[in-house]
PDB file of all heavy atoms in Angstrom:
ATOM      1  N   GLY A   1     -60.197  36.242 -52.459  1.00  0.00           N
ATOM      2  CA  GLY A   1     -60.587  37.604 -52.811  1.00  0.00           C
ATOM      3  C   GLY A   1     -59.900  38.630 -51.946  1.00  0.00           C
ATOM      4  O   GLY A   1     -58.711  38.526 -51.652  1.00  0.00           O
ATOM      5  N   SER A   2     -60.655  39.613 -51.497  1.00  0.00           N
ATOM      6  CA  SER A   2     -60.103  40.771 -50.792  1.00  0.00           C
ATOM      7  C   SER A   2     -59.878  40.465 -49.317  1.00  0.00           C
ATOM      8  O   SER A   2     -60.688  40.832 -48.446  1.00  0.00           O
ATOM      9  CB  SER A   2     -61.030  41.974 -50.959  1.00  0.00           C
ATOM     10  OG  SER A   2     -61.197  42.293 -52.325  1.00  0.00           O
ATOM     11  N   VAL A   3     -58.781  39.806 -49.028  1.00  0.00           N
ATOM     12  CA  VAL A   3     -58.453  39.436 -47.652  1.00  0.00           C
ATOM     13  C   VAL A   3     -58.296  40.662 -46.770  1.00  0.00           C
ATOM     14  O   VAL A   3     -58.676  40.660 -45.589  1.00  0.00           O
ATOM     15  CB  VAL A   3     -57.143  38.601 -47.620  1.00  0.00           C
ATOM     16  CG1 VAL A   3     -56.691  38.321 -46.199  1.00  0.00           C
ATOM     17  CG2 VAL A   3     -57.330  37.305 -48.385  1.00  0.00           C
ATOM     18  N   GLU A   4     -57.762  41.750 -47.343  1.00  0.00           N
ATOM     19  CA  GLU A   4     -57.419  42.918 -46.525  1.00  0.00           C
ATOM     20  C   GLU A   4     -58.621  43.623 -45.901  1.00  0.00           C
ATOM     21  O   GLU A   4     -58.472  44.408 -44.957  1.00  0.00           O
ATOM     22  CB  GLU A   4     -56.624  43.929 -47.363  1.00  0.00           C
ATOM     23  CG  GLU A   4     -57.366  44.527 -48.538  1.00  0.00           C
ATOM     24  CD  GLU A   4     -57.323  43.665 -49.787  1.00  0.00           C
ATOM     25  OE1 GLU A   4     -56.691  42.586 -49.749  1.00  0.00           O
ATOM     26  OE2 GLU A   4     -57.947  44.059 -50.804  1.00  0.00           O
ATOM     27  N   ILE A   5     -59.847  43.348 -46.383  1.00  0.00           N
ATOM     28  CA  ILE A   5     -61.008  44.017 -45.784  1.00  0.00           C
ATOM     29  C   ILE A   5     -61.570  43.248 -44.594  1.00  0.00           C
ATOM     30  O   ILE A   5     -62.454  43.747 -43.895  1.00  0.00           O
ATOM     31  CB  ILE A   5     -62.131  44.226 -46.830  1.00  0.00           C
ATOM     32  CG1 ILE A   5     -62.762  42.885 -47.251  1.00  0.00           C
ATOM     33  CG2 ILE A   5     -61.615  45.006 -48.028  1.00  0.00           C
ATOM     34  CD1 ILE A   5     -64.014  43.040 -48.090  1.00  0.00           C
ATOM     35  N   ALA A   6     -61.070  42.035 -44.349  1.00  0.00           N
ATOM     36  CA  ALA A   6     -61.643  41.176 -43.309  1.00  0.00           C
ATOM     37  C   ALA A   6     -61.676  41.821 -41.929  1.00  0.00           C
ATOM     38  O   ALA A   6     -62.707  41.748 -41.230  1.00  0.00           O
ATOM     39  CB  ALA A   6     -60.902  39.845 -43.263  1.00  0.00           C
ATOM     40  N   PRO A   7     -60.602  42.462 -41.454  1.00  0.00           N
ATOM     41  CA  PRO A   7     -60.680  43.089 -40.124  1.00  0.00           C
ATOM     42  C   PRO A   7     -61.710  44.215 -40.061  1.00  0.00           C
ATOM     43  O   PRO A   7     -62.409  44.371 -39.054  1.00  0.00           O
ATOM     44  CB  PRO A   7     -59.255  43.614 -39.900  1.00  0.00           C
ATOM     45  CG  PRO A   7     -58.391  42.741 -40.748  1.00  0.00           C
ATOM     46  CD  PRO A   7     -59.216  42.494 -41.968  1.00  0.00           C
ATOM     47  N   ALA A   8     -61.820  45.004 -41.120  1.00  0.00           N
ATOM     48  CA  ALA A   8     -62.717  46.152 -41.110  1.00  0.00           C
ATOM     49  C   ALA A   8     -64.186  45.747 -41.014  1.00  0.00           C
ATOM     50  O   ALA A   8     -65.003  46.476 -40.434  1.00  0.00           O
ATOM     51  CB  ALA A   8     -62.491  47.007 -42.355  1.00  0.00           C
ATOM     52  N   ILE A   9     -64.542  44.566 -41.557  1.00  0.00           N
ATOM     53  CA  ILE A   9     -65.945  44.134 -41.526  1.00  0.00           C
ATOM     54  C   ILE A   9     -66.200  43.104 -40.430  1.00  0.00           C
ATOM     55  O   ILE A   9     -67.275  42.504 -40.377  1.00  0.00           O
ATOM     56  CB  ILE A   9     -66.383  43.582 -42.891  1.00  0.00           C
ATOM     57  CG1 ILE A   9     -65.560  42.350 -43.285  1.00  0.00           C
ATOM     58  CG2 ILE A   9     -66.273  44.660 -43.961  1.00  0.00           C
ATOM     59  CD1 ILE A   9     -66.024  41.697 -44.586  1.00  0.00           C
ATOM     60  N   GLY A  10     -65.199  42.896 -39.571  1.00  0.00           N
ATOM     61  CA  GLY A  10     -65.393  42.020 -38.419  1.00  0.00           C
ATOM     62  C   GLY A  10     -65.219  40.544 -38.675  1.00  0.00           C
ATOM     63  O   GLY A  10     -65.556  39.721 -37.819  1.00  0.00           O
ATOM     64  N   MET A  11     -64.660  40.156 -39.822  1.00  0.00           N
ATOM     65  CA  MET A  11     -64.467  38.749 -40.123  1.00  0.00           C
ATOM     66  C   MET A  11     -63.204  38.181 -39.473  1.00  0.00           C
ATOM     67  O   MET A  11     -63.072  36.967 -39.319  1.00  0.00           O
ATOM     68  CB  MET A  11     -64.379  38.530 -41.641  1.00  0.00           C
ATOM     69  CG  MET A  11     -65.675  38.738 -42.382  1.00  0.00           C
ATOM     70  SD  MET A  11     -65.485  38.451 -44.167  1.00  0.00           S
ATOM     71  CE  MET A  11     -65.137  36.695 -44.180  1.00  0.00           C
ATOM     72  N   ALA A  12     -62.262  39.049 -39.128  1.00  0.00           N
ATOM     73  CA  ALA A  12     -60.985  38.584 -38.572  1.00  0.00           C
ATOM     74  C   ALA A  12     -60.340  39.707 -37.770  1.00  0.00           C
ATOM     75  O   ALA A  12     -60.713  40.883 -37.893  1.00  0.00           O
ATOM     76  CB  ALA A  12     -60.057  38.139 -39.699  1.00  0.00           C
ATOM     77  N   ASP A  13     -59.377  39.318 -36.936  1.00  0.00           N
ATOM     78  CA  ASP A  13     -58.625  40.300 -36.160  1.00  0.00           C
ATOM     79  C   ASP A  13     -57.417  40.819 -36.923  1.00  0.00           C
ATOM     80  O   ASP A  13     -56.907  41.919 -36.644  1.00  0.00           O
ATOM     81  CB  ASP A  13     -58.135  39.669 -34.844  1.00  0.00           C
ATOM     82  CG  ASP A  13     -59.284  39.140 -34.006  1.00  0.00           C
ATOM     83  OD1 ASP A  13     -60.130  39.955 -33.606  1.00  0.00           O
ATOM     84  OD2 ASP A  13     -59.328  37.913 -33.772  1.00  0.00           O
ATOM     85  N   SER A  14     -56.926  40.027 -37.888  1.00  0.00           N
ATOM     86  CA  SER A  14     -55.728  40.381 -38.639  1.00  0.00           C
ATOM     87  C   SER A  14     -55.731  39.585 -39.931  1.00  0.00           C
ATOM     88  O   SER A  14     -56.628  38.768 -40.173  1.00  0.00           O
ATOM     89  CB  SER A  14     -54.472  40.060 -37.822  1.00  0.00           C
ATOM     90  OG  SER A  14     -54.433  38.669 -37.504  1.00  0.00           O
ATOM     91  N   ILE A  15     -54.703  39.796 -40.750  1.00  0.00           N
ATOM     92  CA  ILE A  15     -54.636  39.077 -42.018  1.00  0.00           C
ATOM     93  C   ILE A  15     -53.227  38.557 -42.265  1.00  0.00           C
ATOM     94  O   ILE A  15     -52.246  39.034 -41.684  1.00  0.00           O
ATOM     95  CB  ILE A  15     -55.060  39.959 -43.211  1.00  0.00           C
ATOM     96  CG1 ILE A  15     -54.010  41.057 -43.493  1.00  0.00           C
ATOM     97  CG2 ILE A  15     -56.436  40.566 -42.992  1.00  0.00           C
ATOM     98  CD1 ILE A  15     -54.200  41.738 -44.840  1.00  0.00           C
ATOM     99  N   PHE A  16     -53.153  37.576 -43.158  1.00  0.00           N
ATOM    100  CA  PHE A  16     -51.888  37.057 -43.678  1.00  0.00           C
ATOM    101  C   PHE A  16     -52.053  37.012 -45.179  1.00  0.00           C
ATOM    102  O   PHE A  16     -52.838  36.230 -45.708  1.00  0.00           O
ATOM    103  CB  PHE A  16     -51.611  35.663 -43.109  1.00  0.00           C
ATOM    104  CG  PHE A  16     -50.357  35.019 -43.634  1.00  0.00           C
ATOM    105  CD1 PHE A  16     -49.116  35.547 -43.351  1.00  0.00           C
ATOM    106  CD2 PHE A  16     -50.418  33.863 -44.420  1.00  0.00           C
ATOM    107  CE1 PHE A  16     -47.954  34.949 -43.835  1.00  0.00           C
ATOM    108  CE2 PHE A  16     -49.271  33.259 -44.896  1.00  0.00           C
ATOM    109  CZ  PHE A  16     -48.033  33.811 -44.603  1.00  0.00           C
ATOM    110  N   ASP A  17     -51.313  37.877 -45.901  1.00  0.00           N
ATOM    111  CA  ASP A  17     -51.594  38.016 -47.327  1.00  0.00           C
ATOM    112  C   ASP A  17     -50.359  38.499 -48.077  1.00  0.00           C
ATOM    113  O   ASP A  17     -49.341  38.861 -47.477  1.00  0.00           O
ATOM    114  CB  ASP A  17     -52.745  39.010 -47.529  1.00  0.00           C
ATOM    115  CG  ASP A  17     -53.413  38.860 -48.885  1.00  0.00           C
ATOM    116  OD1 ASP A  17     -53.306  37.780 -49.502  1.00  0.00           O
ATOM    117  OD2 ASP A  17     -54.059  39.832 -49.326  1.00  0.00           O
ATOM    118  N   ILE A  18     -50.483  38.517 -49.409  1.00  0.00           N
ATOM    119  CA  ILE A  18     -49.421  39.031 -50.273  1.00  0.00           C
ATOM    120  C   ILE A  18     -49.302  40.536 -50.100  1.00  0.00           C
ATOM    121  O   ILE A  18     -50.302  41.264 -50.083  1.00  0.00           O
ATOM    122  CB  ILE A  18     -49.714  38.698 -51.745  1.00  0.00           C
ATOM    123  CG1 ILE A  18     -49.473  37.210 -52.019  1.00  0.00           C
ATOM    124  CG2 ILE A  18     -48.869  39.528 -52.684  1.00  0.00           C
ATOM    125  CD1 ILE A  18     -49.762  36.792 -53.437  1.00  0.00           C
ATOM    126  N   VAL A  19     -48.073  41.014 -49.972  1.00  0.00           N
ATOM    127  CA  VAL A  19     -47.781  42.445 -49.901  1.00  0.00           C
ATOM    128  C   VAL A  19     -46.751  42.770 -50.967  1.00  0.00           C
ATOM    129  O   VAL A  19     -45.725  42.096 -51.076  1.00  0.00           O
ATOM    130  CB  VAL A  19     -47.239  42.843 -48.507  1.00  0.00           C
ATOM    131  CG1 VAL A  19     -46.883  44.330 -48.483  1.00  0.00           C
ATOM    132  CG2 VAL A  19     -48.249  42.511 -47.418  1.00  0.00           C
ATOM    133  N   SER A  20     -47.030  43.789 -51.764  1.00  0.00           N
ATOM    134  CA  SER A  20     -46.043  44.272 -52.744  1.00  0.00           C
ATOM    135  C   SER A  20     -45.539  45.630 -52.303  1.00  0.00           C
ATOM    136  O   SER A  20     -44.482  45.759 -51.713  1.00  0.00           O
ATOM    137  CB  SER A  20     -46.661  44.331 -54.142  1.00  0.00           C
ATOM    138  OG  SER A  20     -46.983  43.032 -54.600  1.00  0.00           O
ATOM    139  N   SER A  21     -46.326  46.665 -52.516  1.00  0.00           N
ATOM    140  CA  SER A  21     -45.924  48.007 -52.089  1.00  0.00           C
ATOM    141  C   SER A  21     -46.416  48.347 -50.691  1.00  0.00           C
ATOM    142  O   SER A  21     -45.853  49.207 -50.021  1.00  0.00           O
ATOM    143  CB  SER A  21     -46.464  49.043 -53.074  1.00  0.00           C
ATOM    144  OG  SER A  21     -47.885  49.084 -53.010  1.00  0.00           O
ATOM    145  N   GLY A  22     -47.473  47.677 -50.254  1.00  0.00           N
ATOM    146  CA  GLY A  22     -48.059  47.988 -48.959  1.00  0.00           C
ATOM    147  C   GLY A  22     -49.172  49.013 -49.022  1.00  0.00           C
ATOM    148  O   GLY A  22     -49.816  49.309 -48.021  1.00  0.00           O
ATOM    149  N   GLY A  23     -49.436  49.546 -50.234  1.00  0.00           N
ATOM    150  CA  GLY A  23     -50.463  50.571 -50.382  1.00  0.00           C
ATOM    151  C   GLY A  23     -51.858  50.089 -50.027  1.00  0.00           C
ATOM    152  O   GLY A  23     -52.644  50.823 -49.417  1.00  0.00           O
ATOM    153  N   THR A  24     -52.180  48.848 -50.379  1.00  0.00           N
ATOM    154  CA  THR A  24     -53.512  48.308 -50.082  1.00  0.00           C
ATOM    155  C   THR A  24     -53.723  48.175 -48.580  1.00  0.00           C
ATOM    156  O   THR A  24     -54.828  48.397 -48.074  1.00  0.00           O
ATOM    157  CB  THR A  24     -53.694  46.936 -50.762  1.00  0.00           C
ATOM    158  OG1 THR A  24     -53.485  47.084 -52.168  1.00  0.00           O
ATOM    159  CG2 THR A  24     -55.092  46.397 -50.518  1.00  0.00           C
ATOM    160  N   LEU A  25     -52.672  47.808 -47.843  1.00  0.00           N
ATOM    161  CA  LEU A  25     -52.788  47.726 -46.393  1.00  0.00           C
ATOM    162  C   LEU A  25     -53.126  49.094 -45.804  1.00  0.00           C
ATOM    163  O   LEU A  25     -54.016  49.212 -44.951  1.00  0.00           O
ATOM    164  CB  LEU A  25     -51.479  47.210 -45.786  1.00  0.00           C
ATOM    165  CG  LEU A  25     -51.052  45.787 -46.129  1.00  0.00           C
ATOM    166  CD1 LEU A  25     -49.751  45.440 -45.410  1.00  0.00           C
ATOM    167  CD2 LEU A  25     -52.133  44.772 -45.765  1.00  0.00           C
ATOM    168  N   VAL A  26     -52.416  50.106 -46.245  1.00  0.00           N
ATOM    169  CA  VAL A  26     -52.637  51.464 -45.737  1.00  0.00           C
ATOM    170  C   VAL A  26     -54.075  51.902 -46.008  1.00  0.00           C
ATOM    171  O   VAL A  26     -54.742  52.474 -45.131  1.00  0.00           O
ATOM    172  CB  VAL A  26     -51.641  52.455 -46.375  1.00  0.00           C
ATOM    173  CG1 VAL A  26     -51.989  53.890 -45.987  1.00  0.00           C
ATOM    174  CG2 VAL A  26     -50.219  52.120 -45.947  1.00  0.00           C
ATOM    175  N   GLN A  27     -54.565  51.613 -47.200  1.00  0.00           N
ATOM    176  CA  GLN A  27     -55.931  51.996 -47.566  1.00  0.00           C
ATOM    177  C   GLN A  27     -56.972  51.333 -46.678  1.00  0.00           C
ATOM    178  O   GLN A  27     -58.065  51.870 -46.492  1.00  0.00           O
ATOM    179  CB  GLN A  27     -56.199  51.635 -49.029  1.00  0.00           C
ATOM    180  CG  GLN A  27     -55.395  52.448 -50.029  1.00  0.00           C
ATOM    181  CD  GLN A  27     -55.541  51.915 -51.447  1.00  0.00           C
ATOM    182  OE1 GLN A  27     -56.390  51.059 -51.714  1.00  0.00           O
ATOM    183  NE2 GLN A  27     -54.716  52.411 -52.354  1.00  0.00           N
ATOM    184  N   ASN A  28     -56.638  50.179 -46.120  1.00  0.00           N
ATOM    185  CA  ASN A  28     -57.586  49.438 -45.289  1.00  0.00           C
ATOM    186  C   ASN A  28     -57.247  49.528 -43.802  1.00  0.00           C
ATOM    187  O   ASN A  28     -57.733  48.720 -43.006  1.00  0.00           O
ATOM    188  CB  ASN A  28     -57.641  47.978 -45.726  1.00  0.00           C
ATOM    189  CG  ASN A  28     -58.363  47.797 -47.059  1.00  0.00           C
ATOM    190  OD1 ASN A  28     -59.583  47.718 -47.105  1.00  0.00           O
ATOM    191  ND2 ASN A  28     -57.601  47.768 -48.148  1.00  0.00           N
ATOM    192  N   GLY A  29     -56.422  50.499 -43.427  1.00  0.00           N
ATOM    193  CA  GLY A  29     -56.132  50.743 -42.023  1.00  0.00           C
ATOM    194  C   GLY A  29     -55.295  49.674 -41.367  1.00  0.00           C
ATOM    195  O   GLY A  29     -55.403  49.449 -40.153  1.00  0.00           O
ATOM    196  N   LEU A  30     -54.433  49.008 -42.146  1.00  0.00           N
ATOM    197  CA  LEU A  30     -53.608  47.924 -41.617  1.00  0.00           C
ATOM    198  C   LEU A  30     -52.132  48.296 -41.687  1.00  0.00           C
ATOM    199  O   LEU A  30     -51.708  49.105 -42.515  1.00  0.00           O
ATOM    200  CB  LEU A  30     -53.839  46.646 -42.417  1.00  0.00           C
ATOM    201  CG  LEU A  30     -55.273  46.095 -42.448  1.00  0.00           C
ATOM    202  CD1 LEU A  30     -55.382  44.967 -43.460  1.00  0.00           C
ATOM    203  CD2 LEU A  30     -55.707  45.635 -41.070  1.00  0.00           C
ATOM    204  N   ILE A  31     -51.330  47.671 -40.824  1.00  0.00           N
ATOM    205  CA  ILE A  31     -49.881  47.820 -40.885  1.00  0.00           C
ATOM    206  C   ILE A  31     -49.237  46.436 -40.910  1.00  0.00           C
ATOM    207  O   ILE A  31     -49.682  45.506 -40.243  1.00  0.00           O
ATOM    208  CB  ILE A  31     -49.328  48.638 -39.693  1.00  0.00           C
ATOM    209  CG1 ILE A  31     -49.719  48.007 -38.354  1.00  0.00           C
ATOM    210  CG2 ILE A  31     -49.786  50.081 -39.767  1.00  0.00           C
ATOM    211  CD1 ILE A  31     -49.035  48.646 -37.161  1.00  0.00           C
ATOM    212  N   GLU A  32     -48.199  46.315 -41.712  1.00  0.00           N
ATOM    213  CA  GLU A  32     -47.452  45.065 -41.820  1.00  0.00           C
ATOM    214  C   GLU A  32     -46.552  44.924 -40.595  1.00  0.00           C
ATOM    215  O   GLU A  32     -45.797  45.841 -40.269  1.00  0.00           O
ATOM    216  CB  GLU A  32     -46.619  45.083 -43.081  1.00  0.00           C
ATOM    217  CG  GLU A  32     -45.816  43.830 -43.347  1.00  0.00           C
ATOM    218  CD  GLU A  32     -44.995  43.939 -44.619  1.00  0.00           C
ATOM    219  OE1 GLU A  32     -45.004  45.018 -45.270  1.00  0.00           O
ATOM    220  OE2 GLU A  32     -44.329  42.946 -44.974  1.00  0.00           O
ATOM    221  N   VAL A  33     -46.638  43.778 -39.919  1.00  0.00           N
ATOM    222  CA  VAL A  33     -45.828  43.602 -38.707  1.00  0.00           C
ATOM    223  C   VAL A  33     -44.755  42.523 -38.846  1.00  0.00           C
ATOM    224  O   VAL A  33     -43.775  42.520 -38.111  1.00  0.00           O
ATOM    225  CB  VAL A  33     -46.715  43.284 -37.473  1.00  0.00           C
ATOM    226  CG1 VAL A  33     -47.601  44.481 -37.139  1.00  0.00           C
ATOM    227  CG2 VAL A  33     -47.566  42.031 -37.690  1.00  0.00           C
ATOM    228  N   LEU A  34     -44.933  41.600 -39.805  1.00  0.00           N
ATOM    229  CA  LEU A  34     -43.926  40.551 -39.956  1.00  0.00           C
ATOM    230  C   LEU A  34     -44.012  39.925 -41.344  1.00  0.00           C
ATOM    231  O   LEU A  34     -45.070  39.486 -41.778  1.00  0.00           O
ATOM    232  CB  LEU A  34     -44.122  39.452 -38.902  1.00  0.00           C
ATOM    233  CG  LEU A  34     -43.070  38.328 -38.914  1.00  0.00           C
ATOM    234  CD1 LEU A  34     -41.704  38.874 -38.520  1.00  0.00           C
ATOM    235  CD2 LEU A  34     -43.470  37.198 -37.983  1.00  0.00           C
ATOM    236  N   SER A  35     -42.860  39.890 -42.041  1.00  0.00           N
ATOM    237  CA  SER A  35     -42.772  39.197 -43.324  1.00  0.00           C
ATOM    238  C   SER A  35     -42.386  37.740 -43.071  1.00  0.00           C
ATOM    239  O   SER A  35     -41.375  37.459 -42.435  1.00  0.00           O
ATOM    240  CB  SER A  35     -41.724  39.875 -44.219  1.00  0.00           C
ATOM    241  OG  SER A  35     -41.535  39.135 -45.406  1.00  0.00           O
ATOM    242  N   VAL A  36     -43.206  36.822 -43.559  1.00  0.00           N
ATOM    243  CA  VAL A  36     -43.004  35.392 -43.324  1.00  0.00           C
ATOM    244  C   VAL A  36     -42.303  34.715 -44.497  1.00  0.00           C
ATOM    245  O   VAL A  36     -41.476  33.820 -44.309  1.00  0.00           O
ATOM    246  CB  VAL A  36     -44.357  34.706 -43.036  1.00  0.00           C
ATOM    247  CG1 VAL A  36     -44.193  33.192 -42.931  1.00  0.00           C
ATOM    248  CG2 VAL A  36     -44.974  35.271 -41.758  1.00  0.00           C
ATOM    249  N   LEU A  37     -42.598  35.139 -45.710  1.00  0.00           N
ATOM    250  CA  LEU A  37     -42.027  34.484 -46.898  1.00  0.00           C
ATOM    251  C   LEU A  37     -41.759  35.508 -47.985  1.00  0.00           C
ATOM    252  O   LEU A  37     -42.660  36.270 -48.363  1.00  0.00           O
ATOM    253  CB  LEU A  37     -42.987  33.417 -47.433  1.00  0.00           C
ATOM    254  CG  LEU A  37     -42.574  32.716 -48.738  1.00  0.00           C
ATOM    255  CD1 LEU A  37     -41.368  31.812 -48.507  1.00  0.00           C
ATOM    256  CD2 LEU A  37     -43.730  31.915 -49.326  1.00  0.00           C
ATOM    257  N   GLU A  38     -40.531  35.551 -48.497  1.00  0.00           N
ATOM    258  CA  GLU A  38     -40.195  36.362 -49.667  1.00  0.00           C
ATOM    259  C   GLU A  38     -40.428  35.496 -50.905  1.00  0.00           C
ATOM    260  O   GLU A  38     -39.920  34.378 -51.001  1.00  0.00           O
ATOM    261  CB  GLU A  38     -38.738  36.807 -49.609  1.00  0.00           C
ATOM    262  CG  GLU A  38     -38.428  37.776 -48.470  1.00  0.00           C
ATOM    263  CD  GLU A  38     -39.040  39.144 -48.668  1.00  0.00           C
ATOM    264  OE1 GLU A  38     -39.228  39.553 -49.838  1.00  0.00           O
ATOM    265  OE2 GLU A  38     -39.352  39.800 -47.657  1.00  0.00           O
ATOM    266  N   SER A  39     -41.193  36.023 -51.845  1.00  0.00           N
ATOM    267  CA  SER A  39     -41.584  35.228 -53.007  1.00  0.00           C
ATOM    268  C   SER A  39     -41.202  35.927 -54.307  1.00  0.00           C
ATOM    269  O   SER A  39     -41.045  37.143 -54.359  1.00  0.00           O
ATOM    270  CB  SER A  39     -43.095  34.969 -52.988  1.00  0.00           C
ATOM    271  OG  SER A  39     -43.498  34.199 -54.105  1.00  0.00           O
ATOM    272  N   GLN A  40     -41.039  35.139 -55.357  1.00  0.00           N
ATOM    273  CA  GLN A  40     -40.850  35.621 -56.720  1.00  0.00           C
ATOM    274  C   GLN A  40     -41.234  34.485 -57.650  1.00  0.00           C
ATOM    275  O   GLN A  40     -41.518  33.363 -57.210  1.00  0.00           O
ATOM    276  CB  GLN A  40     -39.403  36.043 -56.969  1.00  0.00           C
ATOM    277  CG  GLN A  40     -38.393  34.917 -56.861  1.00  0.00           C
ATOM    278  CD  GLN A  40     -36.997  35.362 -57.254  1.00  0.00           C
ATOM    279  OE1 GLN A  40     -36.735  35.656 -58.423  1.00  0.00           O
ATOM    280  NE2 GLN A  40     -36.098  35.420 -56.272  1.00  0.00           N
ATOM    281  N   ALA A  41     -41.265  34.757 -58.939  1.00  0.00           N
ATOM    282  CA  ALA A  41     -41.544  33.696 -59.909  1.00  0.00           C
ATOM    283  C   ALA A  41     -40.384  32.710 -59.933  1.00  0.00           C
ATOM    284  O   ALA A  41     -39.218  33.107 -59.898  1.00  0.00           O
ATOM    285  CB  ALA A  41     -41.765  34.287 -61.287  1.00  0.00           C
ATOM    286  N   VAL A  42     -40.721  31.426 -59.965  1.00  0.00           N
ATOM    287  CA  VAL A  42     -39.700  30.380 -60.009  1.00  0.00           C
ATOM    288  C   VAL A  42     -40.044  29.394 -61.122  1.00  0.00           C
ATOM    289  O   VAL A  42     -41.209  29.239 -61.506  1.00  0.00           O
ATOM    290  CB  VAL A  42     -39.574  29.626 -58.667  1.00  0.00           C
ATOM    291  CG1 VAL A  42     -39.054  30.551 -57.585  1.00  0.00           C
ATOM    292  CG2 VAL A  42     -40.914  29.014 -58.247  1.00  0.00           C
ATOM    293  N   LEU A  43     -39.009  28.744 -61.611  1.00  0.00           N
ATOM    294  CA  LEU A  43     -39.185  27.649 -62.571  1.00  0.00           C
ATOM    295  C   LEU A  43     -39.116  26.346 -61.797  1.00  0.00           C
ATOM    296  O   LEU A  43     -38.141  26.095 -61.091  1.00  0.00           O
ATOM    297  CB  LEU A  43     -38.092  27.699 -63.638  1.00  0.00           C
ATOM    298  CG  LEU A  43     -38.120  26.585 -64.706  1.00  0.00           C
ATOM    299  CD1 LEU A  43     -39.361  26.701 -65.575  1.00  0.00           C
ATOM    300  CD2 LEU A  43     -36.865  26.644 -65.574  1.00  0.00           C
TER     301      LEU A  43
END
């Protein structure tokens, strides 16, 4: 579900999740610090 809210409600110190535009991170007071995997649809 909504991984990005975990720090705000005290469930975690940070998150590791899918980022597209980054807008959801900004809305939840988060900043992206490191991209680990670039993904796209594959066959």
